[in-house]
N, C-alpha and C. Protein backbone atom coordinates (compact mmCIF):
# COMPACT_ATOMS: atom_id res chain seq x y z
N MET A 1 -18.62 -46.81 -55.02
CA MET A 1 -19.38 -45.67 -54.57
C MET A 1 -19.91 -44.91 -55.79
N THR A 2 -21.12 -44.49 -55.65
CA THR A 2 -21.75 -43.80 -56.78
C THR A 2 -21.45 -42.32 -56.68
N ASP A 3 -21.73 -41.62 -57.74
CA ASP A 3 -21.53 -40.17 -57.74
C ASP A 3 -22.41 -39.49 -56.69
N GLU A 4 -23.59 -40.00 -56.51
CA GLU A 4 -24.51 -39.42 -55.53
C GLU A 4 -23.97 -39.60 -54.11
N GLU A 5 -23.44 -40.77 -53.79
CA GLU A 5 -22.86 -41.02 -52.46
C GLU A 5 -21.64 -40.13 -52.23
N LEU A 6 -20.83 -40.01 -53.28
CA LEU A 6 -19.66 -39.13 -53.17
C LEU A 6 -20.08 -37.69 -52.93
N GLU A 7 -21.14 -37.28 -53.60
CA GLU A 7 -21.63 -35.91 -53.42
C GLU A 7 -22.12 -35.69 -52.00
N HIS A 8 -22.83 -36.67 -51.44
CA HIS A 8 -23.32 -36.55 -50.05
C HIS A 8 -22.14 -36.51 -49.07
N ARG A 9 -21.17 -37.37 -49.31
CA ARG A 9 -20.00 -37.36 -48.41
C ARG A 9 -19.24 -36.05 -48.53
N LEU A 10 -19.08 -35.55 -49.74
CA LEU A 10 -18.37 -34.29 -49.95
C LEU A 10 -19.13 -33.15 -49.29
N THR A 11 -20.43 -33.16 -49.39
CA THR A 11 -21.26 -32.13 -48.74
C THR A 11 -21.11 -32.22 -47.23
N ALA A 12 -21.10 -33.43 -46.68
CA ALA A 12 -20.94 -33.60 -45.23
C ALA A 12 -19.57 -33.10 -44.78
N VAL A 13 -18.55 -33.41 -45.57
CA VAL A 13 -17.19 -32.96 -45.22
C VAL A 13 -17.12 -31.43 -45.29
N GLU A 14 -17.72 -30.84 -46.30
CA GLU A 14 -17.72 -29.38 -46.41
C GLU A 14 -18.45 -28.74 -45.23
N ASN A 15 -19.59 -29.32 -44.85
CA ASN A 15 -20.34 -28.79 -43.70
C ASN A 15 -19.52 -28.90 -42.41
N ARG A 16 -18.87 -30.04 -42.24
CA ARG A 16 -18.03 -30.22 -41.06
C ARG A 16 -16.86 -29.23 -41.08
N ALA A 17 -16.26 -29.02 -42.24
CA ALA A 17 -15.15 -28.07 -42.37
C ALA A 17 -15.61 -26.66 -42.04
N GLN A 18 -16.79 -26.29 -42.52
CA GLN A 18 -17.33 -24.96 -42.23
C GLN A 18 -17.60 -24.81 -40.73
N SER A 19 -18.16 -25.83 -40.12
CA SER A 19 -18.44 -25.80 -38.68
C SER A 19 -17.14 -25.69 -37.89
N ASN A 20 -16.14 -26.47 -38.30
CA ASN A 20 -14.84 -26.42 -37.61
C ASN A 20 -14.18 -25.06 -37.78
N THR A 21 -14.29 -24.48 -38.96
CA THR A 21 -13.72 -23.15 -39.20
C THR A 21 -14.40 -22.12 -38.29
N HIS A 22 -15.73 -22.23 -38.18
CA HIS A 22 -16.48 -21.31 -37.32
C HIS A 22 -16.03 -21.46 -35.86
N ARG A 23 -15.89 -22.69 -35.40
CA ARG A 23 -15.43 -22.92 -34.02
C ARG A 23 -14.02 -22.40 -33.81
N LEU A 24 -13.13 -22.61 -34.79
CA LEU A 24 -11.76 -22.10 -34.67
C LEU A 24 -11.75 -20.57 -34.61
N ASP A 25 -12.62 -19.92 -35.39
CA ASP A 25 -12.71 -18.46 -35.33
C ASP A 25 -13.15 -18.00 -33.95
N GLU A 26 -14.13 -18.69 -33.37
CA GLU A 26 -14.59 -18.35 -32.02
C GLU A 26 -13.48 -18.57 -31.00
N LEU A 27 -12.75 -19.67 -31.14
CA LEU A 27 -11.63 -19.93 -30.22
C LEU A 27 -10.54 -18.88 -30.38
N GLY A 28 -10.32 -18.42 -31.60
CA GLY A 28 -9.33 -17.36 -31.83
C GLY A 28 -9.73 -16.09 -31.10
N LYS A 29 -11.03 -15.73 -31.18
CA LYS A 29 -11.51 -14.54 -30.47
C LYS A 29 -11.36 -14.71 -28.96
N LEU A 30 -11.68 -15.90 -28.48
CA LEU A 30 -11.56 -16.17 -27.05
C LEU A 30 -10.10 -16.10 -26.61
N THR A 31 -9.20 -16.64 -27.43
CA THR A 31 -7.77 -16.59 -27.11
C THR A 31 -7.28 -15.15 -27.06
N ASP A 32 -7.73 -14.33 -28.01
CA ASP A 32 -7.35 -12.91 -28.00
C ASP A 32 -7.86 -12.22 -26.73
N ALA A 33 -9.08 -12.55 -26.32
CA ALA A 33 -9.64 -11.95 -25.10
C ALA A 33 -8.83 -12.36 -23.87
N VAL A 34 -8.46 -13.64 -23.80
CA VAL A 34 -7.67 -14.11 -22.66
C VAL A 34 -6.30 -13.44 -22.65
N ASN A 35 -5.68 -13.30 -23.82
CA ASN A 35 -4.38 -12.62 -23.89
C ASN A 35 -4.51 -11.17 -23.46
N GLY A 36 -5.60 -10.52 -23.85
CA GLY A 36 -5.84 -9.14 -23.42
C GLY A 36 -5.99 -9.06 -21.91
N MET A 37 -6.70 -10.01 -21.33
CA MET A 37 -6.87 -10.03 -19.87
C MET A 37 -5.53 -10.25 -19.18
N ASN A 38 -4.70 -11.13 -19.73
CA ASN A 38 -3.38 -11.37 -19.14
C ASN A 38 -2.54 -10.10 -19.17
N THR A 39 -2.62 -9.36 -20.27
CA THR A 39 -1.89 -8.10 -20.36
C THR A 39 -2.39 -7.12 -19.30
N ASN A 40 -3.70 -7.03 -19.14
CA ASN A 40 -4.27 -6.14 -18.12
C ASN A 40 -3.86 -6.56 -16.72
N ILE A 41 -3.82 -7.86 -16.47
CA ILE A 41 -3.41 -8.36 -15.15
C ILE A 41 -1.95 -8.01 -14.89
N LYS A 42 -1.09 -8.16 -15.90
CA LYS A 42 0.32 -7.81 -15.74
C LYS A 42 0.47 -6.33 -15.42
N LEU A 43 -0.27 -5.48 -16.13
CA LEU A 43 -0.21 -4.04 -15.87
C LEU A 43 -0.71 -3.72 -14.46
N THR A 44 -1.76 -4.37 -14.04
CA THR A 44 -2.30 -4.15 -12.70
C THR A 44 -1.29 -4.56 -11.64
N ILE A 45 -0.61 -5.67 -11.85
CA ILE A 45 0.41 -6.13 -10.90
C ILE A 45 1.55 -5.13 -10.83
N GLN A 46 1.98 -4.62 -11.99
CA GLN A 46 3.05 -3.62 -11.99
C GLN A 46 2.63 -2.37 -11.24
N GLN A 47 1.39 -1.94 -11.45
CA GLN A 47 0.90 -0.75 -10.75
C GLN A 47 0.81 -1.01 -9.25
N LEU A 48 0.40 -2.20 -8.85
CA LEU A 48 0.34 -2.53 -7.42
C LEU A 48 1.73 -2.55 -6.81
N GLU A 49 2.71 -3.08 -7.54
CA GLU A 49 4.08 -3.09 -7.02
C GLU A 49 4.59 -1.66 -6.84
N THR A 50 4.31 -0.80 -7.82
CA THR A 50 4.71 0.61 -7.71
C THR A 50 4.01 1.27 -6.53
N THR A 51 2.73 1.00 -6.37
CA THR A 51 1.98 1.57 -5.25
C THR A 51 2.53 1.07 -3.92
N ASN A 52 2.88 -0.20 -3.84
CA ASN A 52 3.44 -0.75 -2.60
C ASN A 52 4.76 -0.08 -2.26
N ARG A 53 5.61 0.13 -3.27
CA ARG A 53 6.89 0.81 -3.01
C ARG A 53 6.65 2.23 -2.52
N SER A 54 5.71 2.93 -3.16
CA SER A 54 5.38 4.29 -2.73
C SER A 54 4.83 4.29 -1.32
N LEU A 55 4.00 3.32 -1.01
CA LEU A 55 3.43 3.22 0.33
C LEU A 55 4.50 2.95 1.37
N GLU A 56 5.49 2.14 1.04
CA GLU A 56 6.59 1.88 1.97
C GLU A 56 7.36 3.16 2.25
N VAL A 57 7.59 3.98 1.21
CA VAL A 57 8.30 5.25 1.38
C VAL A 57 7.48 6.18 2.27
N VAL A 58 6.19 6.28 1.99
CA VAL A 58 5.31 7.16 2.78
C VAL A 58 5.24 6.67 4.23
N THR A 59 5.18 5.37 4.43
CA THR A 59 5.14 4.81 5.78
C THR A 59 6.41 5.15 6.55
N ALA A 60 7.55 5.05 5.89
CA ALA A 60 8.82 5.39 6.54
C ALA A 60 8.85 6.88 6.89
N GLN A 61 8.36 7.72 5.98
CA GLN A 61 8.32 9.16 6.26
C GLN A 61 7.37 9.45 7.42
N ASN A 62 6.23 8.78 7.45
CA ASN A 62 5.28 8.98 8.55
C ASN A 62 5.88 8.54 9.88
N LYS A 63 6.66 7.46 9.87
CA LYS A 63 7.31 6.99 11.10
C LYS A 63 8.27 8.05 11.61
N LYS A 64 9.05 8.64 10.69
CA LYS A 64 9.98 9.70 11.09
C LYS A 64 9.21 10.90 11.66
N GLN A 65 8.13 11.29 10.97
CA GLN A 65 7.33 12.41 11.45
C GLN A 65 6.69 12.10 12.80
N ASP A 66 6.26 10.87 12.97
CA ASP A 66 5.66 10.46 14.24
C ASP A 66 6.68 10.55 15.36
N ASP A 67 7.91 10.10 15.10
CA ASP A 67 8.96 10.19 16.11
C ASP A 67 9.26 11.65 16.45
N ARG A 68 9.32 12.50 15.41
CA ARG A 68 9.59 13.93 15.65
C ARG A 68 8.45 14.56 16.45
N LEU A 69 7.22 14.22 16.10
CA LEU A 69 6.06 14.78 16.80
C LEU A 69 6.04 14.33 18.26
N THR A 70 6.36 13.08 18.49
CA THR A 70 6.41 12.57 19.86
C THR A 70 7.46 13.33 20.67
N ALA A 71 8.62 13.55 20.07
CA ALA A 71 9.68 14.29 20.75
C ALA A 71 9.24 15.72 21.05
N LEU A 72 8.56 16.35 20.08
CA LEU A 72 8.08 17.72 20.30
C LEU A 72 6.99 17.78 21.37
N GLU A 73 6.14 16.77 21.40
CA GLU A 73 5.10 16.75 22.42
C GLU A 73 5.68 16.53 23.81
N LYS A 74 6.75 15.79 23.91
CA LYS A 74 7.38 15.55 25.21
C LYS A 74 8.19 16.75 25.68
N ALA A 75 8.69 17.55 24.75
CA ALA A 75 9.57 18.66 25.10
C ALA A 75 8.93 19.62 26.10
N PRO A 76 7.71 20.13 25.89
CA PRO A 76 7.13 21.03 26.89
C PRO A 76 6.94 20.34 28.24
N GLY A 77 6.61 19.09 28.24
CA GLY A 77 6.44 18.36 29.50
C GLY A 77 7.75 18.26 30.26
N VAL A 78 8.82 17.99 29.53
CA VAL A 78 10.14 17.91 30.16
C VAL A 78 10.54 19.28 30.69
N PHE A 79 10.30 20.33 29.87
CA PHE A 79 10.64 21.67 30.31
C PHE A 79 9.79 22.08 31.51
N GLY A 80 8.49 21.79 31.45
CA GLY A 80 7.61 22.12 32.57
C GLY A 80 8.01 21.38 33.83
N ASN A 81 8.40 20.14 33.70
CA ASN A 81 8.84 19.35 34.84
C ASN A 81 10.10 19.96 35.46
N LYS A 82 11.05 20.36 34.60
CA LYS A 82 12.27 20.99 35.11
C LYS A 82 11.95 22.33 35.77
N LEU A 83 11.04 23.10 35.15
CA LEU A 83 10.65 24.38 35.71
C LEU A 83 9.98 24.20 37.07
N TRP A 84 9.11 23.20 37.19
CA TRP A 84 8.43 22.91 38.44
C TRP A 84 9.45 22.62 39.54
N TRP A 85 10.42 21.75 39.25
CA TRP A 85 11.43 21.42 40.26
C TRP A 85 12.32 22.62 40.56
N ALA A 86 12.56 23.48 39.58
CA ALA A 86 13.36 24.69 39.83
C ALA A 86 12.61 25.63 40.77
N VAL A 87 11.30 25.77 40.59
CA VAL A 87 10.50 26.63 41.47
C VAL A 87 10.48 26.05 42.88
N ILE A 88 10.31 24.74 43.01
CA ILE A 88 10.32 24.10 44.33
C ILE A 88 11.68 24.30 45.00
N ALA A 89 12.75 24.10 44.22
CA ALA A 89 14.09 24.28 44.78
C ALA A 89 14.31 25.72 45.21
N ALA A 90 13.80 26.69 44.43
CA ALA A 90 13.94 28.10 44.78
C ALA A 90 13.16 28.42 46.05
N LEU A 91 11.95 27.87 46.19
CA LEU A 91 11.17 28.10 47.40
C LEU A 91 11.85 27.50 48.62
N ILE A 92 12.36 26.28 48.47
CA ILE A 92 13.06 25.65 49.60
C ILE A 92 14.31 26.44 49.96
N ALA A 93 15.05 26.87 48.91
CA ALA A 93 16.27 27.65 49.17
C ALA A 93 15.91 28.98 49.85
N GLY A 94 14.81 29.61 49.41
CA GLY A 94 14.38 30.86 50.04
C GLY A 94 13.97 30.64 51.48
N PHE A 95 13.24 29.55 51.74
CA PHE A 95 12.84 29.24 53.11
C PHE A 95 14.06 28.99 53.99
N VAL A 96 15.00 28.18 53.48
CA VAL A 96 16.21 27.88 54.25
C VAL A 96 17.01 29.16 54.48
N ALA A 97 17.10 30.01 53.47
CA ALA A 97 17.85 31.26 53.61
C ALA A 97 17.19 32.17 54.64
N SER A 98 15.85 32.25 54.64
CA SER A 98 15.18 33.11 55.61
C SER A 98 15.34 32.55 57.02
N GLU A 99 15.28 31.25 57.17
CA GLU A 99 15.48 30.64 58.49
C GLU A 99 16.91 30.85 58.97
N LEU A 100 17.86 30.74 58.09
CA LEU A 100 19.26 30.99 58.47
C LEU A 100 19.46 32.45 58.86
N ALA A 101 18.81 33.34 58.10
CA ALA A 101 18.94 34.77 58.40
C ALA A 101 18.33 35.07 59.77
N ARG A 102 17.19 34.48 60.10
CA ARG A 102 16.58 34.68 61.41
C ARG A 102 17.44 34.09 62.51
N TYR A 103 18.00 32.95 62.24
CA TYR A 103 18.82 32.27 63.23
C TYR A 103 20.11 33.04 63.52
N LEU A 104 20.68 33.62 62.48
CA LEU A 104 21.94 34.34 62.64
C LEU A 104 21.73 35.73 63.26
N HIS A 105 20.58 36.30 63.28
CA HIS A 105 20.36 37.62 63.88
C HIS A 105 19.98 37.49 65.27
């Protein structure tokens, strides 16, 4: 091999090395970006898990409040129903008492 051929081969190897170095630098940047995305995804998952736990607590509290509200809404109806039957019973008792009083006189 002549000096000129060696020089051409050396130049080709240097060019290839420079190209490979450039590609490796780009891959390094890409790898850093992917690692950054993975970190962001992990943080997002942790935040979602925390949000889900908070939502479960709020849902349980809402269920309790819903049960209490339902009981409170039924309370006047139950009281009104009892009052209605008490008034009917009082009217019937008054009618029976007046009929007995008329019958006994």
